[in-house]
């Protein structure tokens, strides 16, 4: 069984890395990292930098960045990333 504080610490590290990934190029970016019902983390990322990219390219870029900037210990909690451009994010993501 995973300790709750491990998931919280992982969530913070992942969220921080995602902000570093999107914010320098997009001050309007949005990031949300949350624990789903299975106990794993998911990340929603909205950024104008994704506009025009297909989903595969978006996902590959996010995972590559995270693998380089988040500890393996914390990456094991991340189940999925969902990168969207800002219009997609606003259309599909309700305030949490």
PDB file of N, CA and C in Angstrom:
ATOM      1  N   UNK A   1       0.837  -1.175   0.000  1.00  0.00           N
ATOM      2  CA  UNK A   1       0.000   0.000   0.000  1.00  0.00           C
ATOM      3  C   UNK A   1       0.887   1.245   0.000  1.00  0.00           C
ATOM      4  N   UNK A   2       0.466   2.255  -0.747  1.00  0.00           N
ATOM      5  CA  UNK A   2       1.232   3.473  -0.902  1.00  0.00           C
ATOM      6  C   UNK A   2       0.811   4.478   0.165  1.00  0.00           C
ATOM      7  N   UNK A   3       1.793   5.083   0.776  1.00  0.00           N
ATOM      8  CA  UNK A   3       1.503   6.105   1.775  1.00  0.00           C
ATOM      9  C   UNK A   3       0.955   7.351   1.085  1.00  0.00           C
ATOM     10  N   UNK A   4      -0.063   7.933   1.679  1.00  0.00           N
ATOM     11  CA  UNK A   4      -0.708   9.114   1.113  1.00  0.00           C
ATOM     12  C   UNK A   4       0.289  10.252   0.914  1.00  0.00           C
ATOM     13  N   UNK A   5       1.212  10.423   1.862  1.00  0.00           N
ATOM     14  CA  UNK A   5       2.171  11.528   1.723  1.00  0.00           C
ATOM     15  C   UNK A   5       3.108  11.315   0.533  1.00  0.00           C
ATOM     16  N   UNK A   6       3.353  10.064   0.114  1.00  0.00           N
ATOM     17  CA  UNK A   6       4.154   9.811  -1.084  1.00  0.00           C
ATOM     18  C   UNK A   6       3.447  10.333  -2.327  1.00  0.00           C
ATOM     19  N   UNK A   7       2.145  10.102  -2.402  1.00  0.00           N
ATOM     20  CA  UNK A   7       1.356  10.565  -3.551  1.00  0.00           C
ATOM     21  C   UNK A   7       1.307  12.091  -3.565  1.00  0.00           C
ATOM     22  N   UNK A   8       1.129  12.692  -2.414  1.00  0.00           N
ATOM     23  CA  UNK A   8       1.080  14.155  -2.316  1.00  0.00           C
ATOM     24  C   UNK A   8       2.412  14.760  -2.747  1.00  0.00           C
ATOM     25  N   UNK A   9       3.500  14.194  -2.272  1.00  0.00           N
ATOM     26  CA  UNK A   9       4.831  14.689  -2.642  1.00  0.00           C
ATOM     27  C   UNK A   9       5.063  14.518  -4.140  1.00  0.00           C
ATOM     28  N   UNK A  10       4.675  13.377  -4.687  1.00  0.00           N
ATOM     29  CA  UNK A  10       4.811  13.138  -6.123  1.00  0.00           C
ATOM     30  C   UNK A  10       3.982  14.144  -6.909  1.00  0.00           C
ATOM     31  N   UNK A  11       2.772  14.385  -6.466  1.00  0.00           N
ATOM     32  CA  UNK A  11       1.886  15.335  -7.139  1.00  0.00           C
ATOM     33  C   UNK A  11       2.516  16.721  -7.203  1.00  0.00           C
ATOM     34  N   UNK A  12       3.096  17.149  -6.108  1.00  0.00           N
ATOM     35  CA  UNK A  12       3.732  18.477  -6.061  1.00  0.00           C
ATOM     36  C   UNK A  12       4.920  18.563  -7.011  1.00  0.00           C
ATOM     37  N   UNK A  13       5.743  17.515  -7.023  1.00  0.00           N
ATOM     38  CA  UNK A  13       6.914  17.539  -7.916  1.00  0.00           C
ATOM     39  C   UNK A  13       6.480  17.540  -9.377  1.00  0.00           C
ATOM     40  N   UNK A  14       5.503  16.720  -9.715  1.00  0.00           N
ATOM     41  CA  UNK A  14       5.012  16.646 -11.094  1.00  0.00           C
ATOM     42  C   UNK A  14       4.378  17.964 -11.504  1.00  0.00           C
ATOM     43  N   UNK A  15       3.551  18.519 -10.650  1.00  0.00           N
ATOM     44  CA  UNK A  15       2.900  19.797 -10.975  1.00  0.00           C
ATOM     45  C   UNK A  15       3.939  20.900 -11.171  1.00  0.00           C
ATOM     46  N   UNK A  16       4.932  20.948 -10.305  1.00  0.00           N
ATOM     47  CA  UNK A  16       5.988  21.948 -10.460  1.00  0.00           C
ATOM     48  C   UNK A  16       6.732  21.812 -11.773  1.00  0.00           C
ATOM     49  N   UNK A  17       7.035  20.582 -12.144  1.00  0.00           N
ATOM     50  CA  UNK A  17       7.736  20.348 -13.413  1.00  0.00           C
ATOM     51  C   UNK A  17       6.867  20.745 -14.595  1.00  0.00           C
ATOM     52  N   UNK A  18       5.579  20.455 -14.523  1.00  0.00           N
ATOM     53  CA  UNK A  18       4.687  20.828 -15.624  1.00  0.00           C
ATOM     54  C   UNK A  18       4.569  22.340 -15.764  1.00  0.00           C
ATOM     55  N   UNK A  19       4.532  23.052 -14.636  1.00  0.00           N
ATOM     56  CA  UNK A  19       4.518  24.517 -14.708  1.00  0.00           C
ATOM     57  C   UNK A  19       5.794  25.015 -15.368  1.00  0.00           C
ATOM     58  N   UNK A  20       6.932  24.438 -15.026  1.00  0.00           N
ATOM     59  CA  UNK A  20       8.195  24.834 -15.652  1.00  0.00           C
ATOM     60  C   UNK A  20       8.182  24.534 -17.147  1.00  0.00           C
ATOM     61  N   UNK A  21       7.526  23.461 -17.539  1.00  0.00           N
ATOM     62  CA  UNK A  21       7.439  23.056 -18.940  1.00  0.00           C
ATOM     63  C   UNK A  21       6.615  24.047 -19.763  1.00  0.00           C
ATOM     64  N   UNK A  22       5.468  24.481 -19.263  1.00  0.00           N
ATOM     65  CA  UNK A  22       4.567  25.307 -20.067  1.00  0.00           C
ATOM     66  C   UNK A  22       4.681  26.800 -19.812  1.00  0.00           C
ATOM     67  N   UNK A  23       5.040  27.210 -18.615  1.00  0.00           N
ATOM     68  CA  UNK A  23       4.925  28.629 -18.268  1.00  0.00           C
ATOM     69  C   UNK A  23       5.906  29.556 -18.973  1.00  0.00           C
ATOM     70  N   UNK A  24       7.156  29.206 -19.184  1.00  0.00           N
ATOM     71  CA  UNK A  24       8.056  30.179 -19.819  1.00  0.00           C
ATOM     72  C   UNK A  24       7.543  30.668 -21.179  1.00  0.00           C
ATOM     73  N   UNK A  25       6.876  29.809 -21.904  1.00  0.00           N
ATOM     74  CA  UNK A  25       6.389  30.178 -23.230  1.00  0.00           C
ATOM     75  C   UNK A  25       4.930  30.623 -23.211  1.00  0.00           C
ATOM     76  N   UNK A  26       4.213  30.386 -22.113  1.00  0.00           N
ATOM     77  CA  UNK A  26       2.780  30.636 -22.096  1.00  0.00           C
ATOM     78  C   UNK A  26       2.313  31.006 -20.688  1.00  0.00           C
ATOM     79  N   UNK A  27       2.225  32.296 -20.428  1.00  0.00           N
ATOM     80  CA  UNK A  27       1.816  32.768 -19.103  1.00  0.00           C
ATOM     81  C   UNK A  27       0.349  32.467 -18.810  1.00  0.00           C
ATOM     82  N   UNK A  28      -0.421  32.081 -19.811  1.00  0.00           N
ATOM     83  CA  UNK A  28      -1.840  31.762 -19.615  1.00  0.00           C
ATOM     84  C   UNK A  28      -2.077  30.270 -19.446  1.00  0.00           C
ATOM     85  N   UNK A  29      -1.009  29.498 -19.360  1.00  0.00           N
ATOM     86  CA  UNK A  29      -1.120  28.039 -19.246  1.00  0.00           C
ATOM     87  C   UNK A  29      -1.878  27.638 -17.987  1.00  0.00           C
ATOM     88  N   UNK A  30      -2.431  26.427 -18.026  1.00  0.00           N
ATOM     89  CA  UNK A  30      -3.174  25.873 -16.898  1.00  0.00           C
ATOM     90  C   UNK A  30      -2.680  24.452 -16.644  1.00  0.00           C
ATOM     91  N   UNK A  31      -2.482  24.129 -15.374  1.00  0.00           N
ATOM     92  CA  UNK A  31      -2.006  22.800 -14.994  1.00  0.00           C
ATOM     93  C   UNK A  31      -2.819  22.319 -13.797  1.00  0.00           C
ATOM     94  N   UNK A  32      -3.262  21.080 -13.863  1.00  0.00           N
ATOM     95  CA  UNK A  32      -3.955  20.464 -12.732  1.00  0.00           C
ATOM     96  C   UNK A  32      -3.460  19.028 -12.602  1.00  0.00           C
ATOM     97  N   UNK A  33      -2.971  18.683 -11.432  1.00  0.00           N
ATOM     98  CA  UNK A  33      -2.550  17.310 -11.137  1.00  0.00           C
ATOM     99  C   UNK A  33      -3.444  16.828 -10.007  1.00  0.00           C
ATOM    100  N   UNK A  34      -4.050  15.668 -10.199  1.00  0.00           N
ATOM    101  CA  UNK A  34      -4.980  15.168  -9.194  1.00  0.00           C
ATOM    102  C   UNK A  34      -4.894  13.654  -9.088  1.00  0.00           C
ATOM    103  N   UNK A  35      -5.335  13.152  -7.963  1.00  0.00           N
ATOM    104  CA  UNK A  35      -5.375  11.714  -7.717  1.00  0.00           C
ATOM    105  C   UNK A  35      -6.739  11.194  -8.172  1.00  0.00           C
ATOM    106  N   UNK A  36      -6.735  10.167  -9.005  1.00  0.00           N
ATOM    107  CA  UNK A  36      -8.006   9.596  -9.454  1.00  0.00           C
ATOM    108  C   UNK A  36      -8.486   8.534  -8.474  1.00  0.00           C
ATOM    109  N   UNK A  37      -9.612   7.934  -8.777  1.00  0.00           N
ATOM    110  CA  UNK A  37     -10.213   6.970  -7.850  1.00  0.00           C
ATOM    111  C   UNK A  37      -9.357   5.721  -7.626  1.00  0.00           C
ATOM    112  N   UNK A  38      -8.429   5.454  -8.516  1.00  0.00           N
ATOM    113  CA  UNK A  38      -7.561   4.286  -8.350  1.00  0.00           C
ATOM    114  C   UNK A  38      -6.339   4.578  -7.469  1.00  0.00           C
ATOM    115  N   UNK A  39      -6.145   5.862  -7.125  1.00  0.00           N
ATOM    116  CA  UNK A  39      -4.998   6.233  -6.306  1.00  0.00           C
ATOM    117  C   UNK A  39      -3.796   6.698  -7.101  1.00  0.00           C
ATOM    118  N   UNK A  40      -3.914   6.727  -8.425  1.00  0.00           N
ATOM    119  CA  UNK A  40      -2.831   7.214  -9.277  1.00  0.00           C
ATOM    120  C   UNK A  40      -3.080   8.664  -9.653  1.00  0.00           C
ATOM    121  N   UNK A  41      -2.028   9.317 -10.131  1.00  0.00           N
ATOM    122  CA  UNK A  41      -2.122  10.717 -10.509  1.00  0.00           C
ATOM    123  C   UNK A  41      -2.395  10.869 -12.000  1.00  0.00           C
ATOM    124  N   UNK A  42      -3.123  11.909 -12.314  1.00  0.00           N
ATOM    125  CA  UNK A  42      -3.355  12.325 -13.693  1.00  0.00           C
ATOM    126  C   UNK A  42      -3.014  13.807 -13.779  1.00  0.00           C
ATOM    127  N   UNK A  43      -2.576  14.222 -14.946  1.00  0.00           N
ATOM    128  CA  UNK A  43      -2.219  15.624 -15.149  1.00  0.00           C
ATOM    129  C   UNK A  43      -2.962  16.170 -16.359  1.00  0.00           C
ATOM    130  N   UNK A  44      -3.606  17.297 -16.152  1.00  0.00           N
ATOM    131  CA  UNK A  44      -4.255  18.034 -17.228  1.00  0.00           C
ATOM    132  C   UNK A  44      -3.420  19.274 -17.483  1.00  0.00           C
ATOM    133  N   UNK A  45      -3.069  19.510 -18.744  1.00  0.00           N
ATOM    134  CA  UNK A  45      -2.225  20.641 -19.093  1.00  0.00           C
ATOM    135  C   UNK A  45      -2.887  21.388 -20.228  1.00  0.00           C
ATOM    136  N   UNK A  46      -3.121  22.682 -20.042  1.00  0.00           N
ATOM    137  CA  UNK A  46      -3.643  23.525 -21.104  1.00  0.00           C
ATOM    138  C   UNK A  46      -2.615  24.575 -21.456  1.00  0.00           C
ATOM    139  N   UNK A  47      -2.268  24.635 -22.740  1.00  0.00           N
ATOM    140  CA  UNK A  47      -1.254  25.592 -23.159  1.00  0.00           C
ATOM    141  C   UNK A  47      -1.443  25.956 -24.623  1.00  0.00           C
ATOM    142  N   UNK A  48      -1.292  27.235 -24.919  1.00  0.00           N
ATOM    143  CA  UNK A  48      -1.326  27.677 -26.306  1.00  0.00           C
ATOM    144  C   UNK A  48      -0.201  27.062 -27.122  1.00  0.00           C
ATOM    145  N   UNK A  49       0.851  26.615 -26.448  1.00  0.00           N
ATOM    146  CA  UNK A  49       1.970  25.984 -27.144  1.00  0.00           C
ATOM    147  C   UNK A  49       1.624  24.659 -27.804  1.00  0.00           C
ATOM    148  N   UNK A  50       0.493  24.059 -27.417  1.00  0.00           N
ATOM    149  CA  UNK A  50       0.073  22.794 -28.018  1.00  0.00           C
ATOM    150  C   UNK A  50      -0.766  22.985 -29.280  1.00  0.00           C
ATOM    151  N   UNK A  51      -1.193  24.223 -29.544  1.00  0.00           N
ATOM    152  CA  UNK A  51      -2.036  24.503 -30.708  1.00  0.00           C
ATOM    153  C   UNK A  51      -1.339  24.037 -31.982  1.00  0.00           C
ATOM    154  N   UNK A  52      -2.049  23.282 -32.788  1.00  0.00           N
ATOM    155  CA  UNK A  52      -1.508  22.804 -34.059  1.00  0.00           C
ATOM    156  C   UNK A  52      -0.747  21.491 -33.975  1.00  0.00           C
ATOM    157  N   UNK A  53      -0.449  21.012 -32.763  1.00  0.00           N
ATOM    158  CA  UNK A  53       0.242  19.729 -32.601  1.00  0.00           C
ATOM    159  C   UNK A  53      -0.790  18.613 -32.511  1.00  0.00           C
ATOM    160  N   UNK A  54      -0.441  17.460 -33.057  1.00  0.00           N
ATOM    161  CA  UNK A  54      -1.347  16.332 -32.853  1.00  0.00           C
ATOM    162  C   UNK A  54      -1.134  15.769 -31.452  1.00  0.00           C
ATOM    163  N   UNK A  55      -2.100  14.979 -30.993  1.00  0.00           N
ATOM    164  CA  UNK A  55      -2.073  14.486 -29.615  1.00  0.00           C
ATOM    165  C   UNK A  55      -0.823  13.655 -29.320  1.00  0.00           C
ATOM    166  N   UNK A  56      -0.389  12.846 -30.264  1.00  0.00           N
ATOM    167  CA  UNK A  56       0.806  12.032 -30.052  1.00  0.00           C
ATOM    168  C   UNK A  56       2.038  12.875 -29.784  1.00  0.00           C
ATOM    169  N   UNK A  57       2.215  13.937 -30.542  1.00  0.00           N
ATOM    170  CA  UNK A  57       3.366  14.814 -30.347  1.00  0.00           C
ATOM    171  C   UNK A  57       3.284  15.517 -28.990  1.00  0.00           C
ATOM    172  N   UNK A  58       2.088  15.966 -28.619  1.00  0.00           N
ATOM    173  CA  UNK A  58       1.908  16.622 -27.323  1.00  0.00           C
ATOM    174  C   UNK A  58       2.300  15.682 -26.180  1.00  0.00           C
ATOM    175  N   UNK A  59       1.749  14.483 -26.221  1.00  0.00           N
ATOM    176  CA  UNK A  59       2.003  13.505 -25.163  1.00  0.00           C
ATOM    177  C   UNK A  59       3.482  13.143 -25.099  1.00  0.00           C
ATOM    178  N   UNK A  60       4.091  12.905 -26.257  1.00  0.00           N
ATOM    179  CA  UNK A  60       5.522  12.563 -26.288  1.00  0.00           C
ATOM    180  C   UNK A  60       6.368  13.661 -25.662  1.00  0.00           C
ATOM    181  N   UNK A  61       6.069  14.912 -25.967  1.00  0.00           N
ATOM    182  CA  UNK A  61       6.845  16.030 -25.414  1.00  0.00           C
ATOM    183  C   UNK A  61       6.698  16.126 -23.895  1.00  0.00           C
ATOM    184  N   UNK A  62       5.464  15.979 -23.423  1.00  0.00           N
ATOM    185  CA  UNK A  62       5.235  16.082 -21.978  1.00  0.00           C
ATOM    186  C   UNK A  62       5.941  14.953 -21.243  1.00  0.00           C
ATOM    187  N   UNK A  63       5.765  13.707 -21.707  1.00  0.00           N
ATOM    188  CA  UNK A  63       6.408  12.578 -21.024  1.00  0.00           C
ATOM    189  C   UNK A  63       7.929  12.700 -21.061  1.00  0.00           C
ATOM    190  N   UNK A  64       8.481  13.117 -22.194  1.00  0.00           N
ATOM    191  CA  UNK A  64       9.936  13.265 -22.298  1.00  0.00           C
ATOM    192  C   UNK A  64      10.437  14.292 -21.290  1.00  0.00           C
ATOM    193  N   UNK A  65       9.735  15.400 -21.161  1.00  0.00           N
ATOM    194  CA  UNK A  65      10.134  16.427 -20.199  1.00  0.00           C
ATOM    195  C   UNK A  65      10.047  15.894 -18.769  1.00  0.00           C
ATOM    196  N   UNK A  66       8.952  15.235 -18.459  1.00  0.00           N
ATOM    197  CA  UNK A  66       8.776  14.718 -17.103  1.00  0.00           C
ATOM    198  C   UNK A  66       9.835  13.676 -16.748  1.00  0.00           C
ATOM    199  N   UNK A  67      10.154  12.791 -17.691  1.00  0.00           N
ATOM    200  CA  UNK A  67      11.176  11.777 -17.423  1.00  0.00           C
ATOM    201  C   UNK A  67      12.525  12.417 -17.101  1.00  0.00           C
ATOM    202  N   UNK A  68      12.807  13.565 -17.689  1.00  0.00           N
ATOM    203  CA  UNK A  68      14.070  14.261 -17.447  1.00  0.00           C
ATOM    204  C   UNK A  68      14.056  15.107 -16.168  1.00  0.00           C
ATOM    205  N   UNK A  69      12.872  15.480 -15.695  1.00  0.00           N
ATOM    206  CA  UNK A  69      12.789  16.479 -14.629  1.00  0.00           C
ATOM    207  C   UNK A  69      12.057  16.045 -13.359  1.00  0.00           C
ATOM    208  N   UNK A  70      11.559  14.825 -13.329  1.00  0.00           N
ATOM    209  CA  UNK A  70      10.861  14.313 -12.144  1.00  0.00           C
ATOM    210  C   UNK A  70      11.521  12.999 -11.747  1.00  0.00           C
ATOM    211  N   UNK A  71      11.691  12.795 -10.465  1.00  0.00           N
ATOM    212  CA  UNK A  71      12.340  11.575  -9.995  1.00  0.00           C
ATOM    213  C   UNK A  71      11.530  10.336 -10.399  1.00  0.00           C
ATOM    214  N   UNK A  72      12.232   9.260 -10.669  1.00  0.00           N
ATOM    215  CA  UNK A  72      11.596   7.993 -11.013  1.00  0.00           C
ATOM    216  C   UNK A  72      10.665   7.544  -9.894  1.00  0.00           C
ATOM    217  N   UNK A  73      11.076   7.785  -8.675  1.00  0.00           N
ATOM    218  CA  UNK A  73      10.269   7.429  -7.512  1.00  0.00           C
ATOM    219  C   UNK A  73       8.876   8.068  -7.572  1.00  0.00           C
ATOM    220  N   UNK A  74       8.815   9.306  -8.061  1.00  0.00           N
ATOM    221  CA  UNK A  74       7.532   9.997  -8.132  1.00  0.00           C
ATOM    222  C   UNK A  74       6.807   9.759  -9.455  1.00  0.00           C
ATOM    223  N   UNK A  75       7.547   9.509 -10.515  1.00  0.00           N
ATOM    224  CA  UNK A  75       6.914   9.232 -11.817  1.00  0.00           C
ATOM    225  C   UNK A  75       6.055   7.974 -11.772  1.00  0.00           C
ATOM    226  N   UNK A  76       6.375   7.045 -10.881  1.00  0.00           N
ATOM    227  CA  UNK A  76       5.615   5.795 -10.821  1.00  0.00           C
ATOM    228  C   UNK A  76       4.160   6.010 -10.410  1.00  0.00           C
ATOM    229  N   UNK A  77       3.852   7.171  -9.852  1.00  0.00           N
ATOM    230  CA  UNK A  77       2.478   7.469  -9.448  1.00  0.00           C
ATOM    231  C   UNK A  77       1.648   8.086 -10.583  1.00  0.00           C
ATOM    232  N   UNK A  78       2.328   8.546 -11.643  1.00  0.00           N
ATOM    233  CA  UNK A  78       1.635   9.249 -12.722  1.00  0.00           C
ATOM    234  C   UNK A  78       1.095   8.264 -13.746  1.00  0.00           C
ATOM    235  N   UNK A  79      -0.221   8.217 -13.842  1.00  0.00           N
ATOM    236  CA  UNK A  79      -0.896   7.276 -14.731  1.00  0.00           C
ATOM    237  C   UNK A  79      -1.128   7.864 -16.115  1.00  0.00           C
ATOM    238  N   UNK A  80      -1.412   9.142 -16.189  1.00  0.00           N
ATOM    239  CA  UNK A  80      -1.695   9.719 -17.495  1.00  0.00           C
ATOM    240  C   UNK A  80      -1.508  11.216 -17.539  1.00  0.00           C
ATOM    241  N   UNK A  81      -1.154  11.707 -18.730  1.00  0.00           N
ATOM    242  CA  UNK A  81      -1.085  13.137 -18.987  1.00  0.00           C
ATOM    243  C   UNK A  81      -2.057  13.453 -20.113  1.00  0.00           C
ATOM    244  N   UNK A  82      -2.676  14.601 -20.005  1.00  0.00           N
ATOM    245  CA  UNK A  82      -3.693  15.000 -20.973  1.00  0.00           C
ATOM    246  C   UNK A  82      -3.403  16.427 -21.423  1.00  0.00           C
ATOM    247  N   UNK A  83      -2.518  16.584 -22.422  1.00  0.00           N
ATOM    248  CA  UNK A  83      -2.166  17.920 -22.897  1.00  0.00           C
ATOM    249  C   UNK A  83      -3.192  18.439 -23.909  1.00  0.00           C
ATOM    250  N   UNK A  84      -3.630  19.676 -23.709  1.00  0.00           N
ATOM    251  CA  UNK A  84      -4.631  20.295 -24.575  1.00  0.00           C
ATOM    252  C   UNK A  84      -4.212  21.724 -24.871  1.00  0.00           C
ATOM    253  N   UNK A  85      -4.688  22.262 -26.005  1.00  0.00           N
ATOM    254  CA  UNK A  85      -4.493  23.692 -26.183  1.00  0.00           C
ATOM    255  C   UNK A  85      -5.512  24.390 -25.285  1.00  0.00           C
ATOM    256  N   UNK A  86      -5.395  25.686 -25.125  1.00  0.00           N
ATOM    257  CA  UNK A  86      -6.244  26.395 -24.162  1.00  0.00           C
ATOM    258  C   UNK A  86      -7.728  26.312 -24.492  1.00  0.00           C
ATOM    259  N   UNK A  87      -8.074  26.352 -25.772  1.00  0.00           N
ATOM    260  CA  UNK A  87      -9.485  26.236 -26.161  1.00  0.00           C
ATOM    261  C   UNK A  87     -10.037  24.867 -25.768  1.00  0.00           C
ATOM    262  N   UNK A  88      -9.264  23.809 -26.015  1.00  0.00           N
ATOM    263  CA  UNK A  88      -9.692  22.460 -25.640  1.00  0.00           C
ATOM    264  C   UNK A  88      -9.825  22.344 -24.123  1.00  0.00           C
ATOM    265  N   UNK A  89      -8.862  22.886 -23.416  1.00  0.00           N
ATOM    266  CA  UNK A  89      -8.885  22.826 -21.954  1.00  0.00           C
ATOM    267  C   UNK A  89     -10.146  23.511 -21.428  1.00  0.00           C
ATOM    268  N   UNK A  90     -10.396  24.715 -21.896  1.00  0.00           N
ATOM    269  CA  UNK A  90     -11.564  25.468 -21.420  1.00  0.00           C
ATOM    270  C   UNK A  90     -12.871  24.766 -21.791  1.00  0.00           C
ATOM    271  N   UNK A  91     -12.907  24.088 -22.918  1.00  0.00           N
ATOM    272  CA  UNK A  91     -14.122  23.406 -23.355  1.00  0.00           C
ATOM    273  C   UNK A  91     -14.375  22.100 -22.607  1.00  0.00           C
ATOM    274  N   UNK A  92     -13.303  21.449 -22.147  1.00  0.00           N
ATOM    275  CA  UNK A  92     -13.452  20.104 -21.591  1.00  0.00           C
ATOM    276  C   UNK A  92     -13.179  19.974 -20.102  1.00  0.00           C
ATOM    277  N   UNK A  93     -12.569  20.952 -19.499  1.00  0.00           N
ATOM    278  CA  UNK A  93     -12.183  20.827 -18.105  1.00  0.00           C
ATOM    279  C   UNK A  93     -13.000  21.803 -17.258  1.00  0.00           C
ATOM    280  N   UNK A  94     -13.724  21.260 -16.331  1.00  0.00           N
ATOM    281  CA  UNK A  94     -14.487  22.075 -15.382  1.00  0.00           C
ATOM    282  C   UNK A  94     -13.562  22.491 -14.249  1.00  0.00           C
ATOM    283  N   UNK A  95     -13.869  23.588 -13.609  1.00  0.00           N
ATOM    284  CA  UNK A  95     -13.085  23.999 -12.445  1.00  0.00           C
ATOM    285  C   UNK A  95     -13.097  22.888 -11.413  1.00  0.00           C
ATOM    286  N   UNK A  96     -11.938  22.642 -10.850  1.00  0.00           N
ATOM    287  CA  UNK A  96     -11.819  21.566  -9.873  1.00  0.00           C
ATOM    288  C   UNK A  96     -11.993  22.118  -8.487  1.00  0.00           C
TER     289      UNK A  96
END
